[in-house]
Amino acid sequence: MGTLKYAILGLLNRNEMTGYELSKEFETTLFEFWNAKHSQIYPELKSLNAEGLIQYRVEITGNVLEKKVYTITDEGRRDFSEWEETLCPIQTASKDESRLRLFFLDGASPDFQQRFLADQLSQHQKHLEHLLENQKKFDEIPPTDDRAFSDYLVLRGAVYREEAALQWIQECIKLGEQRSAELKK
């Protein structure tokens, strides 16, 4: 099994959750560095349960609505802890549609190239603003033994990533403008 297994075990190591709540965690908490869709999460939950790494209880809400509340087992905690304390290689490549498009953008008009980069700049600026707003929930750097410390570190990494992306896109725009001016001479 891949890393999704450990993302789910890690979340359940923090709190018991329903499948829906796990999906929401991927959308609101882990989205900066990991994503998973409902269609991936539920089969993974089934596999983890079959392996004995998690278990669930059924809760009835209202008259008929059943929901499964998942918890991590002791075996799941051991497996997660072993994974958590294993070094991993850096990720040098990730799927990024905007960079893929930029790679092939030489076939587009110079006007579209600049419009594309301006749009990317705007999107990254908005995302950075969102991250900085989230960062305000931390009055100070949390203690290292507090779960919030890890959250803080990942958030800071996301802020640095967006700041670097903005600097890089601004450079791309400047280089594009310079090159266009040179070609018009």
N, C-alpha and C. Protein backbone atom coordinates (compact mmCIF):
# COMPACT_ATOMS: atom_id res chain seq x y z
N MET A 1 0.83 -1.19 0.00
CA MET A 1 0.00 0.00 0.00
C MET A 1 0.87 1.24 0.00
N GLY A 2 0.32 2.31 -0.52
CA GLY A 2 1.06 3.55 -0.65
C GLY A 2 0.91 4.47 0.53
N THR A 3 1.24 5.70 0.29
CA THR A 3 1.26 6.71 1.34
C THR A 3 -0.13 7.06 1.83
N LEU A 4 -1.15 6.88 1.01
CA LEU A 4 -2.53 7.16 1.46
C LEU A 4 -2.84 6.39 2.72
N LYS A 5 -2.37 5.16 2.78
CA LYS A 5 -2.57 4.33 3.97
C LYS A 5 -2.10 5.08 5.22
N TYR A 6 -0.92 5.66 5.15
CA TYR A 6 -0.35 6.32 6.31
C TYR A 6 -0.98 7.68 6.58
N ALA A 7 -1.46 8.33 5.55
CA ALA A 7 -2.20 9.58 5.77
C ALA A 7 -3.46 9.28 6.58
N ILE A 8 -4.16 8.21 6.21
CA ILE A 8 -5.38 7.84 6.92
C ILE A 8 -5.05 7.38 8.34
N LEU A 9 -4.05 6.52 8.48
CA LEU A 9 -3.66 6.07 9.82
C LEU A 9 -3.25 7.25 10.69
N GLY A 10 -2.52 8.20 10.12
CA GLY A 10 -2.09 9.37 10.88
C GLY A 10 -3.27 10.20 11.36
N LEU A 11 -4.25 10.39 10.49
CA LEU A 11 -5.44 11.15 10.91
C LEU A 11 -6.20 10.41 12.00
N LEU A 12 -6.35 9.09 11.83
CA LEU A 12 -7.06 8.31 12.84
C LEU A 12 -6.25 8.18 14.12
N ASN A 13 -4.95 8.32 14.04
CA ASN A 13 -4.12 8.32 15.24
C ASN A 13 -4.38 9.58 16.07
N ARG A 14 -4.81 10.63 15.39
CA ARG A 14 -5.15 11.88 16.10
C ARG A 14 -6.56 11.83 16.69
N ASN A 15 -7.51 11.35 15.89
CA ASN A 15 -8.92 11.33 16.31
C ASN A 15 -9.67 10.24 15.57
N GLU A 16 -10.69 9.70 16.19
CA GLU A 16 -11.59 8.80 15.46
C GLU A 16 -12.40 9.65 14.49
N MET A 17 -12.75 9.08 13.35
CA MET A 17 -13.46 9.85 12.32
C MET A 17 -14.31 8.94 11.46
N THR A 18 -15.31 9.54 10.85
CA THR A 18 -16.09 8.86 9.82
C THR A 18 -15.34 9.02 8.49
N GLY A 19 -15.76 8.27 7.49
CA GLY A 19 -15.17 8.43 6.17
C GLY A 19 -15.35 9.84 5.64
N TYR A 20 -16.53 10.41 5.90
CA TYR A 20 -16.81 11.78 5.47
C TYR A 20 -15.85 12.76 6.15
N GLU A 21 -15.65 12.58 7.45
CA GLU A 21 -14.74 13.47 8.18
C GLU A 21 -13.30 13.33 7.68
N LEU A 22 -12.90 12.11 7.34
CA LEU A 22 -11.57 11.92 6.76
C LEU A 22 -11.45 12.68 5.44
N SER A 23 -12.48 12.58 4.60
CA SER A 23 -12.47 13.30 3.32
C SER A 23 -12.33 14.79 3.54
N LYS A 24 -13.04 15.31 4.53
CA LYS A 24 -12.97 16.74 4.83
C LYS A 24 -11.57 17.14 5.31
N GLU A 25 -10.92 16.27 6.08
CA GLU A 25 -9.55 16.55 6.52
C GLU A 25 -8.61 16.68 5.32
N PHE A 26 -8.80 15.82 4.32
CA PHE A 26 -7.97 15.92 3.12
C PHE A 26 -8.23 17.23 2.40
N GLU A 27 -9.48 17.68 2.41
CA GLU A 27 -9.85 18.91 1.71
C GLU A 27 -9.41 20.16 2.45
N THR A 28 -9.38 20.11 3.78
CA THR A 28 -9.15 21.33 4.55
C THR A 28 -7.81 21.39 5.28
N THR A 29 -7.23 20.25 5.58
CA THR A 29 -6.00 20.22 6.36
C THR A 29 -4.81 19.72 5.55
N LEU A 30 -4.96 18.58 4.92
CA LEU A 30 -3.84 17.97 4.21
C LEU A 30 -3.67 18.48 2.79
N PHE A 31 -4.63 19.26 2.30
CA PHE A 31 -4.64 19.65 0.88
C PHE A 31 -3.37 20.36 0.43
N GLU A 32 -2.64 20.95 1.34
CA GLU A 32 -1.42 21.67 0.97
C GLU A 32 -0.32 20.74 0.48
N PHE A 33 -0.40 19.46 0.88
CA PHE A 33 0.68 18.55 0.51
C PHE A 33 0.21 17.15 0.14
N TRP A 34 -1.06 16.85 0.32
CA TRP A 34 -1.55 15.52 -0.04
C TRP A 34 -3.03 15.62 -0.38
N ASN A 35 -3.44 14.88 -1.40
CA ASN A 35 -4.86 14.88 -1.73
C ASN A 35 -5.34 13.46 -1.93
N ALA A 36 -6.61 13.26 -1.69
CA ALA A 36 -7.25 11.97 -1.92
C ALA A 36 -8.74 12.24 -2.10
N LYS A 37 -9.33 11.49 -2.98
CA LYS A 37 -10.76 11.63 -3.27
C LYS A 37 -11.53 10.57 -2.50
N HIS A 38 -12.86 10.81 -2.38
CA HIS A 38 -13.72 9.83 -1.73
C HIS A 38 -13.49 8.44 -2.32
N SER A 39 -13.37 8.41 -3.65
CA SER A 39 -13.24 7.13 -4.36
C SER A 39 -11.93 6.41 -4.02
N GLN A 40 -10.97 7.10 -3.44
CA GLN A 40 -9.73 6.48 -2.99
C GLN A 40 -9.79 6.14 -1.50
N ILE A 41 -10.43 7.01 -0.73
CA ILE A 41 -10.44 6.86 0.72
C ILE A 41 -11.23 5.63 1.17
N TYR A 42 -12.43 5.45 0.63
CA TYR A 42 -13.28 4.37 1.12
C TYR A 42 -12.71 2.98 0.83
N PRO A 43 -12.16 2.71 -0.36
CA PRO A 43 -11.52 1.40 -0.56
C PRO A 43 -10.31 1.21 0.36
N GLU A 44 -9.58 2.28 0.63
CA GLU A 44 -8.42 2.20 1.53
C GLU A 44 -8.89 1.87 2.95
N LEU A 45 -9.99 2.48 3.38
CA LEU A 45 -10.53 2.16 4.70
C LEU A 45 -10.90 0.68 4.80
N LYS A 46 -11.49 0.17 3.74
CA LYS A 46 -11.87 -1.25 3.71
C LYS A 46 -10.63 -2.14 3.83
N SER A 47 -9.57 -1.80 3.10
CA SER A 47 -8.32 -2.57 3.15
C SER A 47 -7.67 -2.49 4.53
N LEU A 48 -7.63 -1.29 5.09
CA LEU A 48 -7.01 -1.12 6.41
C LEU A 48 -7.77 -1.90 7.47
N ASN A 49 -9.09 -1.93 7.35
CA ASN A 49 -9.91 -2.70 8.27
C ASN A 49 -9.62 -4.20 8.12
N ALA A 50 -9.52 -4.66 6.88
CA ALA A 50 -9.23 -6.07 6.62
C ALA A 50 -7.85 -6.47 7.17
N GLU A 51 -6.91 -5.54 7.16
CA GLU A 51 -5.56 -5.80 7.68
C GLU A 51 -5.50 -5.72 9.20
N GLY A 52 -6.57 -5.25 9.82
CA GLY A 52 -6.59 -5.11 11.27
C GLY A 52 -5.90 -3.86 11.77
N LEU A 53 -5.65 -2.91 10.88
CA LEU A 53 -4.98 -1.67 11.27
C LEU A 53 -5.96 -0.62 11.79
N ILE A 54 -7.20 -0.75 11.37
CA ILE A 54 -8.27 0.12 11.88
C ILE A 54 -9.48 -0.77 12.15
N GLN A 55 -10.42 -0.21 12.88
CA GLN A 55 -11.71 -0.87 13.10
C GLN A 55 -12.77 0.21 13.07
N TYR A 56 -14.02 -0.22 13.04
CA TYR A 56 -15.09 0.77 13.04
C TYR A 56 -16.26 0.28 13.87
N ARG A 57 -17.05 1.24 14.28
CA ARG A 57 -18.32 0.94 14.92
C ARG A 57 -19.38 1.68 14.12
N VAL A 58 -20.57 1.15 14.12
CA VAL A 58 -21.67 1.77 13.38
C VAL A 58 -22.50 2.58 14.36
N GLU A 59 -22.72 3.84 14.02
CA GLU A 59 -23.59 4.71 14.81
C GLU A 59 -24.81 5.02 13.99
N ILE A 60 -25.95 5.04 14.64
CA ILE A 60 -27.21 5.38 13.98
C ILE A 60 -27.52 6.84 14.28
N THR A 61 -27.75 7.59 13.23
CA THR A 61 -28.13 9.00 13.36
C THR A 61 -29.56 9.13 12.86
N GLY A 62 -30.41 9.72 13.66
CA GLY A 62 -31.81 9.81 13.24
C GLY A 62 -32.44 8.43 13.29
N ASN A 63 -33.35 8.17 12.36
CA ASN A 63 -34.06 6.89 12.36
C ASN A 63 -33.30 5.79 11.63
N VAL A 64 -32.65 6.13 10.54
CA VAL A 64 -32.05 5.08 9.72
C VAL A 64 -30.63 5.35 9.23
N LEU A 65 -30.14 6.54 9.38
CA LEU A 65 -28.83 6.87 8.82
C LEU A 65 -27.73 6.22 9.65
N GLU A 66 -27.00 5.30 9.00
CA GLU A 66 -25.87 4.64 9.65
C GLU A 66 -24.58 5.30 9.20
N LYS A 67 -23.68 5.47 10.14
CA LYS A 67 -22.36 5.95 9.76
C LYS A 67 -21.32 5.12 10.50
N LYS A 68 -20.22 4.86 9.80
CA LYS A 68 -19.12 4.11 10.38
C LYS A 68 -18.13 5.10 10.98
N VAL A 69 -17.80 4.89 12.23
CA VAL A 69 -16.79 5.71 12.90
C VAL A 69 -15.54 4.85 13.03
N TYR A 70 -14.46 5.30 12.39
CA TYR A 70 -13.22 4.53 12.33
C TYR A 70 -12.27 4.93 13.44
N THR A 71 -11.58 3.93 13.99
CA THR A 71 -10.52 4.17 14.98
C THR A 71 -9.31 3.33 14.58
N ILE A 72 -8.16 3.78 15.00
CA ILE A 72 -6.92 3.04 14.73
C ILE A 72 -6.74 1.98 15.81
N THR A 73 -6.25 0.82 15.43
CA THR A 73 -5.98 -0.26 16.39
C THR A 73 -4.54 -0.12 16.90
N ASP A 74 -4.21 -0.91 17.90
CA ASP A 74 -2.83 -0.91 18.40
C ASP A 74 -1.86 -1.31 17.29
N GLU A 75 -2.25 -2.31 16.49
CA GLU A 75 -1.41 -2.73 15.37
C GLU A 75 -1.25 -1.58 14.36
N GLY A 76 -2.33 -0.84 14.13
CA GLY A 76 -2.27 0.31 13.24
C GLY A 76 -1.34 1.39 13.77
N ARG A 77 -1.39 1.61 15.09
CA ARG A 77 -0.49 2.60 15.71
C ARG A 77 0.97 2.19 15.54
N ARG A 78 1.25 0.89 15.74
CA ARG A 78 2.63 0.41 15.57
C ARG A 78 3.09 0.60 14.13
N ASP A 79 2.22 0.24 13.18
CA ASP A 79 2.56 0.37 11.76
C ASP A 79 2.80 1.84 11.41
N PHE A 80 1.91 2.71 11.88
CA PHE A 80 2.05 4.14 11.61
C PHE A 80 3.33 4.69 12.24
N SER A 81 3.59 4.31 13.48
CA SER A 81 4.77 4.80 14.19
C SER A 81 6.05 4.38 13.48
N GLU A 82 6.07 3.14 12.98
CA GLU A 82 7.24 2.66 12.24
C GLU A 82 7.44 3.48 10.97
N TRP A 83 6.36 3.74 10.25
CA TRP A 83 6.43 4.56 9.03
C TRP A 83 6.87 5.98 9.37
N GLU A 84 6.27 6.53 10.43
CA GLU A 84 6.54 7.92 10.83
C GLU A 84 8.01 8.13 11.17
N GLU A 85 8.65 7.11 11.71
CA GLU A 85 10.04 7.25 12.14
C GLU A 85 11.03 6.65 11.14
N THR A 86 10.61 6.58 9.88
CA THR A 86 11.48 6.12 8.80
C THR A 86 11.80 7.32 7.92
N LEU A 87 13.07 7.52 7.61
CA LEU A 87 13.46 8.62 6.73
C LEU A 87 12.92 8.37 5.33
N CYS A 88 12.68 9.45 4.60
CA CYS A 88 12.16 9.29 3.24
C CYS A 88 12.93 10.22 2.29
N PRO A 89 12.98 9.85 1.02
CA PRO A 89 13.67 10.70 0.04
C PRO A 89 12.85 11.96 -0.25
N ILE A 90 13.53 13.00 -0.71
CA ILE A 90 12.79 14.21 -1.10
C ILE A 90 11.99 13.92 -2.36
N GLN A 91 10.93 14.65 -2.53
CA GLN A 91 10.09 14.54 -3.72
C GLN A 91 10.57 15.59 -4.71
N THR A 92 11.19 15.16 -5.78
CA THR A 92 11.73 16.12 -6.74
C THR A 92 10.75 16.46 -7.84
N ALA A 93 9.73 15.67 -8.02
CA ALA A 93 8.76 15.94 -9.07
C ALA A 93 7.36 15.70 -8.53
N SER A 94 6.49 16.60 -8.89
CA SER A 94 5.08 16.41 -8.55
C SER A 94 4.27 16.83 -9.76
N LYS A 95 3.06 16.37 -9.82
CA LYS A 95 2.21 16.74 -10.95
C LYS A 95 1.72 18.16 -10.74
N ASP A 96 2.00 19.02 -11.68
CA ASP A 96 1.62 20.42 -11.61
C ASP A 96 1.20 20.85 -13.01
N GLU A 97 -0.11 20.93 -13.22
CA GLU A 97 -0.62 21.24 -14.55
C GLU A 97 -0.14 22.60 -15.04
N SER A 98 -0.07 23.58 -14.16
CA SER A 98 0.35 24.91 -14.61
C SER A 98 1.79 24.89 -15.12
N ARG A 99 2.66 24.13 -14.48
CA ARG A 99 4.06 24.04 -14.96
C ARG A 99 4.14 23.24 -16.25
N LEU A 100 3.30 22.23 -16.37
CA LEU A 100 3.25 21.46 -17.62
C LEU A 100 2.82 22.37 -18.77
N ARG A 101 1.79 23.18 -18.53
CA ARG A 101 1.34 24.12 -19.56
C ARG A 101 2.42 25.14 -19.89
N LEU A 102 3.09 25.64 -18.86
CA LEU A 102 4.17 26.60 -19.08
C LEU A 102 5.28 25.99 -19.92
N PHE A 103 5.56 24.73 -19.70
CA PHE A 103 6.60 24.03 -20.46
C PHE A 103 6.30 24.05 -21.95
N PHE A 104 5.00 23.96 -22.30
CA PHE A 104 4.59 23.93 -23.70
C PHE A 104 4.07 25.27 -24.20
N LEU A 105 4.20 26.32 -23.41
CA LEU A 105 3.61 27.61 -23.74
C LEU A 105 4.32 28.34 -24.87
N ASP A 106 5.46 27.84 -25.30
CA ASP A 106 6.19 28.51 -26.37
C ASP A 106 5.40 28.55 -27.68
N GLY A 107 4.41 27.69 -27.82
CA GLY A 107 3.58 27.69 -29.03
C GLY A 107 2.46 28.71 -28.99
N ALA A 108 2.24 29.32 -27.83
CA ALA A 108 1.17 30.31 -27.69
C ALA A 108 1.69 31.70 -28.02
N SER A 109 0.77 32.61 -28.26
CA SER A 109 1.16 33.99 -28.57
C SER A 109 1.80 34.63 -27.34
N PRO A 110 2.69 35.61 -27.56
CA PRO A 110 3.30 36.32 -26.42
C PRO A 110 2.24 36.96 -25.51
N ASP A 111 1.15 37.45 -26.11
CA ASP A 111 0.09 38.04 -25.29
C ASP A 111 -0.52 37.00 -24.35
N PHE A 112 -0.80 35.81 -24.90
CA PHE A 112 -1.38 34.77 -24.05
C PHE A 112 -0.37 34.31 -23.00
N GLN A 113 0.89 34.21 -23.38
CA GLN A 113 1.91 33.80 -22.42
C GLN A 113 1.89 34.74 -21.20
N GLN A 114 1.84 36.04 -21.47
CA GLN A 114 1.82 37.02 -20.38
C GLN A 114 0.51 36.95 -19.59
N ARG A 115 -0.60 36.73 -20.29
CA ARG A 115 -1.90 36.61 -19.60
C ARG A 115 -1.90 35.37 -18.71
N PHE A 116 -1.35 34.28 -19.21
CA PHE A 116 -1.27 33.04 -18.44
C PHE A 116 -0.45 33.26 -17.16
N LEU A 117 0.70 33.90 -17.31
CA LEU A 117 1.56 34.14 -16.15
C LEU A 117 0.91 35.11 -15.16
N ALA A 118 0.23 36.12 -15.68
CA ALA A 118 -0.46 37.07 -14.79
C ALA A 118 -1.56 36.36 -14.00
N ASP A 119 -2.26 35.44 -14.65
CA ASP A 119 -3.30 34.68 -13.96
C ASP A 119 -2.69 33.78 -12.89
N GLN A 120 -1.58 33.13 -13.21
CA GLN A 120 -0.90 32.29 -12.22
C GLN A 120 -0.43 33.13 -11.03
N LEU A 121 0.09 34.31 -11.32
CA LEU A 121 0.53 35.22 -10.26
C LEU A 121 -0.64 35.56 -9.34
N SER A 122 -1.77 35.90 -9.93
CA SER A 122 -2.96 36.25 -9.15
C SER A 122 -3.42 35.08 -8.28
N GLN A 123 -3.44 33.89 -8.85
CA GLN A 123 -3.89 32.71 -8.08
C GLN A 123 -2.95 32.43 -6.91
N HIS A 124 -1.66 32.54 -7.15
CA HIS A 124 -0.70 32.29 -6.06
C HIS A 124 -0.77 33.38 -4.99
N GLN A 125 -1.02 34.63 -5.40
CA GLN A 125 -1.17 35.71 -4.42
C GLN A 125 -2.37 35.44 -3.52
N LYS A 126 -3.48 35.02 -4.12
CA LYS A 126 -4.68 34.72 -3.32
C LYS A 126 -4.43 33.55 -2.38
N HIS A 127 -3.73 32.55 -2.88
CA HIS A 127 -3.46 31.39 -2.02
C HIS A 127 -2.52 31.77 -0.88
N LEU A 128 -1.54 32.60 -1.15
CA LEU A 128 -0.65 33.06 -0.09
C LEU A 128 -1.44 33.84 0.97
N GLU A 129 -2.34 34.70 0.54
CA GLU A 129 -3.18 35.44 1.49
C GLU A 129 -3.97 34.49 2.37
N HIS A 130 -4.51 33.44 1.77
CA HIS A 130 -5.27 32.43 2.52
C HIS A 130 -4.37 31.75 3.57
N LEU A 131 -3.17 31.39 3.17
CA LEU A 131 -2.24 30.74 4.09
C LEU A 131 -1.85 31.67 5.24
N LEU A 132 -1.58 32.92 4.91
CA LEU A 132 -1.21 33.88 5.95
C LEU A 132 -2.36 34.12 6.92
N GLU A 133 -3.58 34.07 6.41
CA GLU A 133 -4.76 34.18 7.28
C GLU A 133 -4.82 32.98 8.23
N ASN A 134 -4.56 31.79 7.70
CA ASN A 134 -4.54 30.58 8.54
C ASN A 134 -3.44 30.65 9.59
N GLN A 135 -2.33 31.26 9.22
CA GLN A 135 -1.20 31.35 10.14
C GLN A 135 -1.53 32.22 11.35
N LYS A 136 -2.50 33.10 11.22
CA LYS A 136 -2.86 33.99 12.33
C LYS A 136 -3.42 33.23 13.53
N LYS A 137 -3.86 31.98 13.32
CA LYS A 137 -4.40 31.21 14.45
C LYS A 137 -3.30 30.83 15.44
N PHE A 138 -2.05 30.97 15.02
CA PHE A 138 -0.92 30.67 15.90
C PHE A 138 -0.41 31.98 16.50
N ASP A 139 -0.62 32.16 17.79
CA ASP A 139 -0.10 33.34 18.47
C ASP A 139 1.42 33.27 18.60
N GLU A 140 1.90 32.05 18.71
CA GLU A 140 3.33 31.81 18.84
C GLU A 140 3.63 30.42 18.28
N ILE A 141 4.88 30.10 18.17
CA ILE A 141 5.26 28.77 17.70
C ILE A 141 4.90 27.77 18.80
N PRO A 142 4.10 26.74 18.46
CA PRO A 142 3.70 25.76 19.48
C PRO A 142 4.90 24.94 19.97
N PRO A 143 4.78 24.37 21.17
CA PRO A 143 5.83 23.49 21.68
C PRO A 143 5.99 22.26 20.77
N THR A 144 7.19 21.70 20.73
CA THR A 144 7.46 20.59 19.81
C THR A 144 6.68 19.33 20.15
N ASP A 145 6.21 19.18 21.37
CA ASP A 145 5.43 17.99 21.72
C ASP A 145 3.93 18.19 21.53
N ASP A 146 3.55 19.33 20.98
CA ASP A 146 2.15 19.64 20.69
C ASP A 146 1.87 19.32 19.23
N ARG A 147 0.73 18.68 18.97
CA ARG A 147 0.36 18.34 17.59
C ARG A 147 0.35 19.57 16.70
N ALA A 148 0.03 20.71 17.27
CA ALA A 148 -0.03 21.96 16.50
C ALA A 148 1.34 22.35 15.95
N PHE A 149 2.41 21.87 16.57
CA PHE A 149 3.76 22.19 16.09
C PHE A 149 3.95 21.68 14.67
N SER A 150 3.56 20.43 14.42
CA SER A 150 3.67 19.86 13.08
C SER A 150 2.80 20.63 12.09
N ASP A 151 1.59 20.98 12.52
CA ASP A 151 0.70 21.76 11.66
C ASP A 151 1.36 23.09 11.30
N TYR A 152 1.97 23.71 12.29
CA TYR A 152 2.64 25.00 12.08
C TYR A 152 3.79 24.85 11.08
N LEU A 153 4.59 23.80 11.22
CA LEU A 153 5.72 23.60 10.31
C LEU A 153 5.25 23.43 8.87
N VAL A 154 4.21 22.64 8.68
CA VAL A 154 3.69 22.41 7.32
C VAL A 154 3.12 23.70 6.75
N LEU A 155 2.43 24.46 7.57
CA LEU A 155 1.87 25.74 7.12
C LEU A 155 2.99 26.70 6.74
N ARG A 156 4.05 26.77 7.54
CA ARG A 156 5.18 27.64 7.20
C ARG A 156 5.80 27.21 5.87
N GLY A 157 5.92 25.90 5.67
CA GLY A 157 6.45 25.39 4.41
C GLY A 157 5.59 25.81 3.23
N ALA A 158 4.28 25.77 3.42
CA ALA A 158 3.36 26.19 2.35
C ALA A 158 3.51 27.68 2.06
N VAL A 159 3.69 28.48 3.11
CA VAL A 159 3.90 29.92 2.92
C VAL A 159 5.18 30.16 2.12
N TYR A 160 6.26 29.50 2.52
CA TYR A 160 7.54 29.65 1.79
C TYR A 160 7.40 29.21 0.34
N ARG A 161 6.68 28.11 0.12
CA ARG A 161 6.49 27.61 -1.25
C ARG A 161 5.76 28.65 -2.10
N GLU A 162 4.71 29.24 -1.56
CA GLU A 162 3.94 30.24 -2.31
C GLU A 162 4.76 31.51 -2.53
N GLU A 163 5.53 31.92 -1.53
CA GLU A 163 6.39 33.10 -1.72
C GLU A 163 7.41 32.85 -2.82
N ALA A 164 7.98 31.65 -2.84
CA ALA A 164 8.95 31.31 -3.88
C ALA A 164 8.27 31.24 -5.24
N ALA A 165 7.06 30.69 -5.29
CA ALA A 165 6.32 30.61 -6.56
C ALA A 165 6.04 32.01 -7.09
N LEU A 166 5.65 32.92 -6.21
CA LEU A 166 5.38 34.30 -6.63
C LEU A 166 6.64 34.95 -7.19
N GLN A 167 7.74 34.77 -6.51
CA GLN A 167 9.01 35.35 -6.97
C GLN A 167 9.39 34.78 -8.33
N TRP A 168 9.23 33.48 -8.50
CA TRP A 168 9.56 32.82 -9.76
C TRP A 168 8.65 33.30 -10.89
N ILE A 169 7.34 33.39 -10.64
CA ILE A 169 6.40 33.84 -11.68
C ILE A 169 6.68 35.28 -12.06
N GLN A 170 7.00 36.12 -11.08
CA GLN A 170 7.35 37.51 -11.39
C GLN A 170 8.58 37.56 -12.28
N GLU A 171 9.54 36.70 -12.02
CA GLU A 171 10.73 36.63 -12.86
C GLU A 171 10.36 36.15 -14.27
N CYS A 172 9.47 35.17 -14.37
CA CYS A 172 9.02 34.68 -15.68
C CYS A 172 8.36 35.80 -16.48
N ILE A 173 7.53 36.59 -15.81
CA ILE A 173 6.85 37.71 -16.48
C ILE A 173 7.89 38.71 -16.98
N LYS A 174 8.84 39.05 -16.12
CA LYS A 174 9.88 40.02 -16.48
C LYS A 174 10.71 39.51 -17.66
N LEU A 175 11.11 38.24 -17.61
CA LEU A 175 11.89 37.66 -18.71
C LEU A 175 11.09 37.64 -20.01
N GLY A 176 9.81 37.33 -19.91
CA GLY A 176 8.95 37.32 -21.10
C GLY A 176 8.83 38.71 -21.71
N GLU A 177 8.67 39.72 -20.84
CA GLU A 177 8.58 41.10 -21.33
C GLU A 177 9.89 41.52 -21.99
N GLN A 178 11.01 41.19 -21.36
CA GLN A 178 12.32 41.54 -21.93
C GLN A 178 12.53 40.87 -23.27
N ARG A 179 12.20 39.60 -23.34
CA ARG A 179 12.41 38.85 -24.58
C ARG A 179 11.51 39.39 -25.69
N SER A 180 10.26 39.71 -25.36
CA SER A 180 9.35 40.27 -26.37
C SER A 180 9.86 41.60 -26.89
N ALA A 181 10.39 42.44 -25.97
CA ALA A 181 10.93 43.74 -26.38
C ALA A 181 12.14 43.55 -27.29
N GLU A 182 12.98 42.59 -26.99
CA GLU A 182 14.16 42.32 -27.82
C GLU A 182 13.76 41.86 -29.22
N LEU A 183 12.73 41.04 -29.29
CA LEU A 183 12.29 40.50 -30.58
C LEU A 183 11.63 41.57 -31.45
N LYS A 184 11.08 42.63 -30.82
CA LYS A 184 10.42 43.70 -31.57
C LYS A 184 11.42 44.68 -32.16
N LYS A 185 12.67 44.63 -31.73
CA LYS A 185 13.70 45.57 -32.22
C LYS A 185 14.08 45.27 -33.63
